[in-house]
PDB file of N, CA and C in Angstrom:
ATOM      1  N   ALA A   1    -129.829 113.457 -14.387  1.00  0.00           N
ATOM      2  CA  ALA A   1    -131.347 114.236 -13.772  1.00  0.00           C
ATOM      3  C   ALA A   1    -132.358 113.697 -14.358  1.00  0.00           C
ATOM      4  N   GLY A   2    -133.439 113.371 -13.378  1.00  0.00           N
ATOM      5  CA  GLY A   2    -134.627 113.143 -13.614  1.00  0.00           C
ATOM      6  C   GLY A   2    -135.741 114.015 -14.489  1.00  0.00           C
ATOM      7  N   VAL A   3    -136.363 113.189 -14.635  1.00  0.00           N
ATOM      8  CA  VAL A   3    -137.533 113.924 -15.667  1.00  0.00           C
ATOM      9  C   VAL A   3    -139.045 113.544 -15.176  1.00  0.00           C
ATOM     10  N   SER A   4    -140.132 114.514 -14.805  1.00  0.00           N
ATOM     11  CA  SER A   4    -141.327 114.097 -14.017  1.00  0.00           C
ATOM     12  C   SER A   4    -142.044 113.777 -15.020  1.00  0.00           C
ATOM     13  N   VAL A   5    -143.182 113.219 -14.689  1.00  0.00           N
ATOM     14  CA  VAL A   5    -143.939 112.699 -15.559  1.00  0.00           C
ATOM     15  C   VAL A   5    -145.058 114.344 -15.823  1.00  0.00           C
ATOM     16  N   ASP A   6    -144.900 115.319 -15.039  1.00  0.00           N
ATOM     17  CA  ASP A   6    -145.732 116.591 -15.564  1.00  0.00           C
ATOM     18  C   ASP A   6    -144.770 117.466 -15.996  1.00  0.00           C
ATOM     19  N   MET A   7    -143.607 117.308 -16.340  1.00  0.00           N
ATOM     20  CA  MET A   7    -142.747 117.804 -17.384  1.00  0.00           C
ATOM     21  C   MET A   7    -142.913 117.159 -18.974  1.00  0.00           C
ATOM     22  N   LEU A   8    -142.916 115.934 -18.792  1.00  0.00           N
ATOM     23  CA  LEU A   8    -143.586 115.090 -20.302  1.00  0.00           C
ATOM     24  C   LEU A   8    -144.582 115.523 -20.638  1.00  0.00           C
ATOM     25  N   ARG A   9    -145.799 115.893 -19.927  1.00  0.00           N
ATOM     26  CA  ARG A   9    -147.089 115.966 -20.133  1.00  0.00           C
ATOM     27  C   ARG A   9    -147.496 117.773 -20.593  1.00  0.00           C
ATOM     28  N   GLY A  10    -146.610 118.327 -19.948  1.00  0.00           N
ATOM     29  CA  GLY A  10    -147.203 119.764 -19.771  1.00  0.00           C
ATOM     30  C   GLY A  10    -146.319 120.479 -21.062  1.00  0.00           C
ATOM     31  N   GLY A  11    -146.709 121.798 -20.925  1.00  0.00           N
ATOM     32  CA  GLY A  11    -146.286 122.925 -22.155  1.00  0.00           C
ATOM     33  C   GLY A  11    -144.841 123.171 -21.627  1.00  0.00           C
ATOM     34  N   ASP A  12    -143.797 122.898 -20.824  1.00  0.00           N
ATOM     35  CA  ASP A  12    -142.818 123.127 -20.954  1.00  0.00           C
ATOM     36  C   ASP A  12    -141.794 123.513 -22.380  1.00  0.00           C
ATOM     37  N   ARG A  13    -141.553 124.236 -22.819  1.00  0.00           N
ATOM     38  CA  ARG A  13    -140.568 123.936 -24.194  1.00  0.00           C
ATOM     39  C   ARG A  13    -138.914 124.265 -24.352  1.00  0.00           C
ATOM     40  N   THR A  14    -138.703 124.172 -22.562  1.00  0.00           N
ATOM     41  CA  THR A  14    -137.126 123.998 -22.644  1.00  0.00           C
ATOM     42  C   THR A  14    -136.579 123.062 -23.512  1.00  0.00           C
ATOM     43  N   LYS A  15    -135.340 123.155 -24.229  1.00  0.00           N
ATOM     44  CA  LYS A  15    -134.583 122.275 -24.725  1.00  0.00           C
ATOM     45  C   LYS A  15    -134.497 121.238 -24.290  1.00  0.00           C
ATOM     46  N   ARG A  16    -134.434 120.727 -22.907  1.00  0.00           N
ATOM     47  CA  ARG A  16    -133.783 119.633 -21.920  1.00  0.00           C
ATOM     48  C   ARG A  16    -135.565 119.112 -22.323  1.00  0.00           C
ATOM     49  N   ALA A  17    -136.876 119.495 -21.796  1.00  0.00           N
ATOM     50  CA  ALA A  17    -138.053 119.049 -21.809  1.00  0.00           C
ATOM     51  C   ALA A  17    -138.456 118.568 -22.981  1.00  0.00           C
ATOM     52  N   CYS A  18    -138.140 119.061 -24.075  1.00  0.00           N
ATOM     53  CA  CYS A  18    -138.537 118.611 -25.749  1.00  0.00           C
ATOM     54  C   CYS A  18    -137.858 117.615 -25.870  1.00  0.00           C
ATOM     55  N   ARG A  19    -136.602 117.661 -25.818  1.00  0.00           N
ATOM     56  CA  ARG A  19    -135.599 116.457 -26.184  1.00  0.00           C
ATOM     57  C   ARG A  19    -136.129 114.834 -25.309  1.00  0.00           C
ATOM     58  N   HIS A  20    -136.362 115.164 -23.691  1.00  0.00           N
ATOM     59  CA  HIS A  20    -136.751 114.055 -23.169  1.00  0.00           C
ATOM     60  C   HIS A  20    -138.280 113.457 -23.776  1.00  0.00           C
ATOM     61  N   ARG A  21    -139.078 114.568 -24.122  1.00  0.00           N
ATOM     62  CA  ARG A  21    -140.472 114.530 -24.571  1.00  0.00           C
ATOM     63  C   ARG A  21    -140.106 113.764 -26.123  1.00  0.00           C
ATOM     64  N   HIS A  22    -139.548 114.092 -27.007  1.00  0.00           N
ATOM     65  CA  HIS A  22    -139.443 113.229 -28.203  1.00  0.00           C
ATOM     66  C   HIS A  22    -138.945 112.141 -27.998  1.00  0.00           C
ATOM     67  N   GLU A  23    -137.826 111.619 -27.261  1.00  0.00           N
ATOM     68  CA  GLU A  23    -137.416 110.406 -27.328  1.00  0.00           C
ATOM     69  C   GLU A  23    -138.741 109.326 -26.713  1.00  0.00           C
ATOM     70  N   VAL A  24    -139.319 109.813 -25.471  1.00  0.00           N
ATOM     71  CA  VAL A  24    -140.375 109.016 -24.896  1.00  0.00           C
ATOM     72  C   VAL A  24    -141.455 108.816 -26.320  1.00  0.00           C
ATOM     73  N   MET A  25    -141.765 109.926 -27.033  1.00  0.00           N
ATOM     74  CA  MET A  25    -142.876 109.829 -27.796  1.00  0.00           C
ATOM     75  C   MET A  25    -141.979 108.398 -29.125  1.00  0.00           C
ATOM     76  N   LEU A  26    -140.885 108.411 -29.651  1.00  0.00           N
ATOM     77  CA  LEU A  26    -140.120 107.538 -30.420  1.00  0.00           C
ATOM     78  C   LEU A  26    -140.060 106.420 -29.466  1.00  0.00           C
ATOM     79  N   ARG A  27    -139.953 106.165 -28.151  1.00  0.00           N
ATOM     80  CA  ARG A  27    -139.828 104.899 -27.843  1.00  0.00           C
ATOM     81  C   ARG A  27    -141.185 104.338 -27.556  1.00  0.00           C
ATOM     82  N   LEU A  28    -141.984 105.517 -27.021  1.00  0.00           N
ATOM     83  CA  LEU A  28    -143.663 104.833 -27.222  1.00  0.00           C
ATOM     84  C   LEU A  28    -144.038 104.206 -28.597  1.00  0.00           C
ATOM     85  N   LYS A  29    -143.772 104.765 -29.644  1.00  0.00           N
ATOM     86  CA  LYS A  29    -144.032 104.285 -31.088  1.00  0.00           C
ATOM     87  C   LYS A  29    -143.496 102.928 -31.335  1.00  0.00           C
ATOM     88  N   GLU A  30    -141.940 102.947 -30.539  1.00  0.00           N
ATOM     89  CA  GLU A  30    -141.161 101.375 -31.353  1.00  0.00           C
ATOM     90  C   GLU A  30    -141.433 100.090 -30.277  1.00  0.00           C
ATOM     91  N   GLU A  31    -141.993 100.756 -28.925  1.00  0.00           N
ATOM     92  CA  GLU A  31    -141.933  99.617 -28.308  1.00  0.00           C
ATOM     93  C   GLU A  31    -143.342  98.954 -27.358  1.00  0.00           C
ATOM     94  N   THR A  32    -144.393 100.106 -28.158  1.00  0.00           N
ATOM     95  CA  THR A  32    -145.998  99.826 -27.733  1.00  0.00           C
ATOM     96  C   THR A  32    -146.647  99.672 -29.340  1.00  0.00           C
ATOM     97  N   ASP A  33    -147.930  99.106 -29.256  1.00  0.00           N
ATOM     98  CA  ASP A  33    -148.450  99.370 -30.507  1.00  0.00           C
ATOM     99  C   ASP A  33    -149.519 100.493 -30.193  1.00  0.00           C
ATOM    100  N   LEU A  34    -149.178 101.394 -29.639  1.00  0.00           N
ATOM    101  CA  LEU A  34    -149.954 102.565 -29.392  1.00  0.00           C
ATOM    102  C   LEU A  34    -149.992 103.468 -30.770  1.00  0.00           C
ATOM    103  N   SER A  35    -151.250 104.104 -31.233  1.00  0.00           N
ATOM    104  CA  SER A  35    -151.449 104.838 -32.350  1.00  0.00           C
ATOM    105  C   SER A  35    -150.918 106.326 -31.980  1.00  0.00           C
ATOM    106  N   LEU A  36    -150.615 106.939 -33.051  1.00  0.00           N
ATOM    107  CA  LEU A  36    -149.987 108.538 -32.547  1.00  0.00           C
ATOM    108  C   LEU A  36    -151.159 109.319 -31.869  1.00  0.00           C
ATOM    109  N   PRO A  37    -152.512 109.167 -32.179  1.00  0.00           N
ATOM    110  CA  PRO A  37    -153.007 109.904 -31.246  1.00  0.00           C
ATOM    111  C   PRO A  37    -152.791 109.357 -29.811  1.00  0.00           C
ATOM    112  N   ALA A  38    -152.923 107.979 -29.491  1.00  0.00           N
ATOM    113  CA  ALA A  38    -153.190 107.468 -28.153  1.00  0.00           C
ATOM    114  C   ALA A  38    -151.862 108.433 -27.570  1.00  0.00           C
ATOM    115  N   ILE A  39    -150.527 108.110 -28.332  1.00  0.00           N
ATOM    116  CA  ILE A  39    -149.620 108.404 -27.583  1.00  0.00           C
ATOM    117  C   ILE A  39    -149.605 110.145 -27.413  1.00  0.00           C
ATOM    118  N   GLY A  40    -150.394 110.831 -28.106  1.00  0.00           N
ATOM    119  CA  GLY A  40    -150.508 112.643 -27.969  1.00  0.00           C
ATOM    120  C   GLY A  40    -151.783 112.913 -26.511  1.00  0.00           C
ATOM    121  N   ARG A  41    -152.421 111.594 -26.462  1.00  0.00           N
ATOM    122  CA  ARG A  41    -153.230 111.901 -25.423  1.00  0.00           C
ATOM    123  C   ARG A  41    -152.610 111.597 -24.096  1.00  0.00           C
ATOM    124  N   LEU A  42    -151.701 110.610 -24.200  1.00  0.00           N
ATOM    125  CA  LEU A  42    -151.001 110.180 -22.946  1.00  0.00           C
ATOM    126  C   LEU A  42    -149.808 111.243 -22.649  1.00  0.00           C
ATOM    127  N   LEU A  43    -149.178 111.911 -23.662  1.00  0.00           N
ATOM    128  CA  LEU A  43    -148.504 112.966 -23.563  1.00  0.00           C
ATOM    129  C   LEU A  43    -148.877 114.769 -23.533  1.00  0.00           C
ATOM    130  N   GLY A  44    -150.147 114.614 -22.638  1.00  0.00           N
ATOM    131  CA  GLY A  44    -150.880 115.927 -22.611  1.00  0.00           C
ATOM    132  C   GLY A  44    -151.993 116.383 -23.571  1.00  0.00           C
ATOM    133  N   GLY A  45    -152.098 115.667 -24.535  1.00  0.00           N
ATOM    134  CA  GLY A  45    -153.292 115.807 -25.215  1.00  0.00           C
ATOM    135  C   GLY A  45    -152.902 116.513 -26.497  1.00  0.00           C
ATOM    136  N   ARG A  46    -151.676 115.676 -26.582  1.00  0.00           N
ATOM    137  CA  ARG A  46    -150.887 117.003 -27.769  1.00  0.00           C
ATOM    138  C   ARG A  46    -151.131 115.745 -29.484  1.00  0.00           C
ATOM    139  N   ASP A  47    -151.406 116.607 -30.342  1.00  0.00           N
ATOM    140  CA  ASP A  47    -152.028 116.146 -32.015  1.00  0.00           C
ATOM    141  C   ASP A  47    -151.324 115.045 -32.489  1.00  0.00           C
ATOM    142  N   HIS A  48    -151.492 114.466 -33.117  1.00  0.00           N
ATOM    143  CA  HIS A  48    -150.685 113.488 -33.896  1.00  0.00           C
ATOM    144  C   HIS A  48    -149.663 114.103 -34.995  1.00  0.00           C
ATOM    145  N   THR A  49    -149.795 115.164 -35.160  1.00  0.00           N
ATOM    146  CA  THR A  49    -148.923 115.640 -35.971  1.00  0.00           C
ATOM    147  C   THR A  49    -147.691 115.946 -35.044  1.00  0.00           C
ATOM    148  N   THR A  50    -148.109 116.282 -34.077  1.00  0.00           N
ATOM    149  CA  THR A  50    -146.816 116.963 -32.912  1.00  0.00           C
ATOM    150  C   THR A  50    -145.991 115.613 -32.679  1.00  0.00           C
ATOM    151  N   ILE A  51    -146.600 114.484 -32.781  1.00  0.00           N
ATOM    152  CA  ILE A  51    -146.206 113.228 -32.084  1.00  0.00           C
ATOM    153  C   ILE A  51    -145.242 113.163 -33.195  1.00  0.00           C
ATOM    154  N   MET A  52    -145.649 112.765 -34.703  1.00  0.00           N
ATOM    155  CA  MET A  52    -145.036 112.621 -36.010  1.00  0.00           C
ATOM    156  C   MET A  52    -143.656 113.375 -35.850  1.00  0.00           C
ATOM    157  N   ASN A  53    -143.650 114.839 -35.615  1.00  0.00           N
ATOM    158  CA  ASN A  53    -142.643 115.572 -35.711  1.00  0.00           C
ATOM    159  C   ASN A  53    -141.928 115.313 -34.750  1.00  0.00           C
ATOM    160  N   GLY A  54    -142.394 114.975 -33.442  1.00  0.00           N
ATOM    161  CA  GLY A  54    -141.447 114.411 -32.309  1.00  0.00           C
ATOM    162  C   GLY A  54    -140.623 113.499 -32.593  1.00  0.00           C
ATOM    163  N   ILE A  55    -141.345 112.510 -33.069  1.00  0.00           N
ATOM    164  CA  ILE A  55    -140.833 111.064 -33.310  1.00  0.00           C
ATOM    165  C   ILE A  55    -139.598 111.291 -34.662  1.00  0.00           C
ATOM    166  N   GLU A  56    -139.946 112.116 -35.614  1.00  0.00           N
ATOM    167  CA  GLU A  56    -138.225 112.376 -36.172  1.00  0.00           C
ATOM    168  C   GLU A  56    -137.524 113.286 -36.104  1.00  0.00           C
ATOM    169  N   ARG A  57    -138.010 114.029 -34.878  1.00  0.00           N
ATOM    170  CA  ARG A  57    -136.703 114.898 -34.263  1.00  0.00           C
ATOM    171  C   ARG A  57    -135.963 114.116 -33.558  1.00  0.00           C
ATOM    172  N   ALA A  58    -136.414 112.797 -32.316  1.00  0.00           N
ATOM    173  CA  ALA A  58    -135.682 111.856 -32.134  1.00  0.00           C
ATOM    174  C   ALA A  58    -134.985 110.999 -32.769  1.00  0.00           C
ATOM    175  N   LYS A  59    -135.625 110.755 -33.961  1.00  0.00           N
ATOM    176  CA  LYS A  59    -135.036 109.733 -34.989  1.00  0.00           C
ATOM    177  C   LYS A  59    -133.461 110.496 -35.283  1.00  0.00           C
ATOM    178  N   ALA A  60    -133.583 111.616 -35.909  1.00  0.00           N
ATOM    179  CA  ALA A  60    -132.717 112.569 -36.381  1.00  0.00           C
ATOM    180  C   ALA A  60    -131.422 112.727 -35.205  1.00  0.00           C
ATOM    181  N   LYS A  61    -131.861 113.064 -33.797  1.00  0.00           N
ATOM    182  CA  LYS A  61    -130.912 113.122 -32.892  1.00  0.00           C
ATOM    183  C   LYS A  61    -130.182 111.884 -32.778  1.00  0.00           C
ATOM    184  N   ARG A  62    -130.978 110.739 -32.795  1.00  0.00           N
ATOM    185  CA  ARG A  62    -130.300 109.305 -32.501  1.00  0.00           C
ATOM    186  C   ARG A  62    -129.181 109.228 -33.433  1.00  0.00           C
ATOM    187  N   GLU A  63    -129.539 109.480 -34.895  1.00  0.00           N
ATOM    188  CA  GLU A  63    -128.807 109.005 -36.064  1.00  0.00           C
ATOM    189  C   GLU A  63    -127.490 110.330 -35.986  1.00  0.00           C
ATOM    190  N   ALA A  64    -127.920 111.671 -35.545  1.00  0.00           N
ATOM    191  CA  ALA A  64    -126.572 112.232 -35.128  1.00  0.00           C
ATOM    192  C   ALA A  64    -125.406 111.853 -34.293  1.00  0.00           C
ATOM    193  N   ALA A  65    -125.903 111.283 -33.550  1.00  0.00           N
ATOM    194  CA  ALA A  65    -124.951 110.710 -32.241  1.00  0.00           C
ATOM    195  C   ALA A  65    -124.106 109.705 -32.711  1.00  0.00           C
ATOM    196  N   GLN A  66    -124.450 108.804 -33.644  1.00  0.00           N
ATOM    197  CA  GLN A  66    -123.794 107.653 -34.168  1.00  0.00           C
ATOM    198  C   GLN A  66    -122.733 107.873 -34.737  1.00  0.00           C
TER     199      GLN A  66
END
């Protein structure tokens, strides 16, 4: 199932949207040199602390899946 850029950038707080958004946050941090504020700007103007939280949630989800 595809996820739109609008869903990732928007305020959709459904479980599906948040799960994908958190994974994007983690991948952007791992695969680019972008700062947390820069990632936040890409994802709809989110605060760097929101990005930190999303990254931690995505990491926990990955670890639980192993």
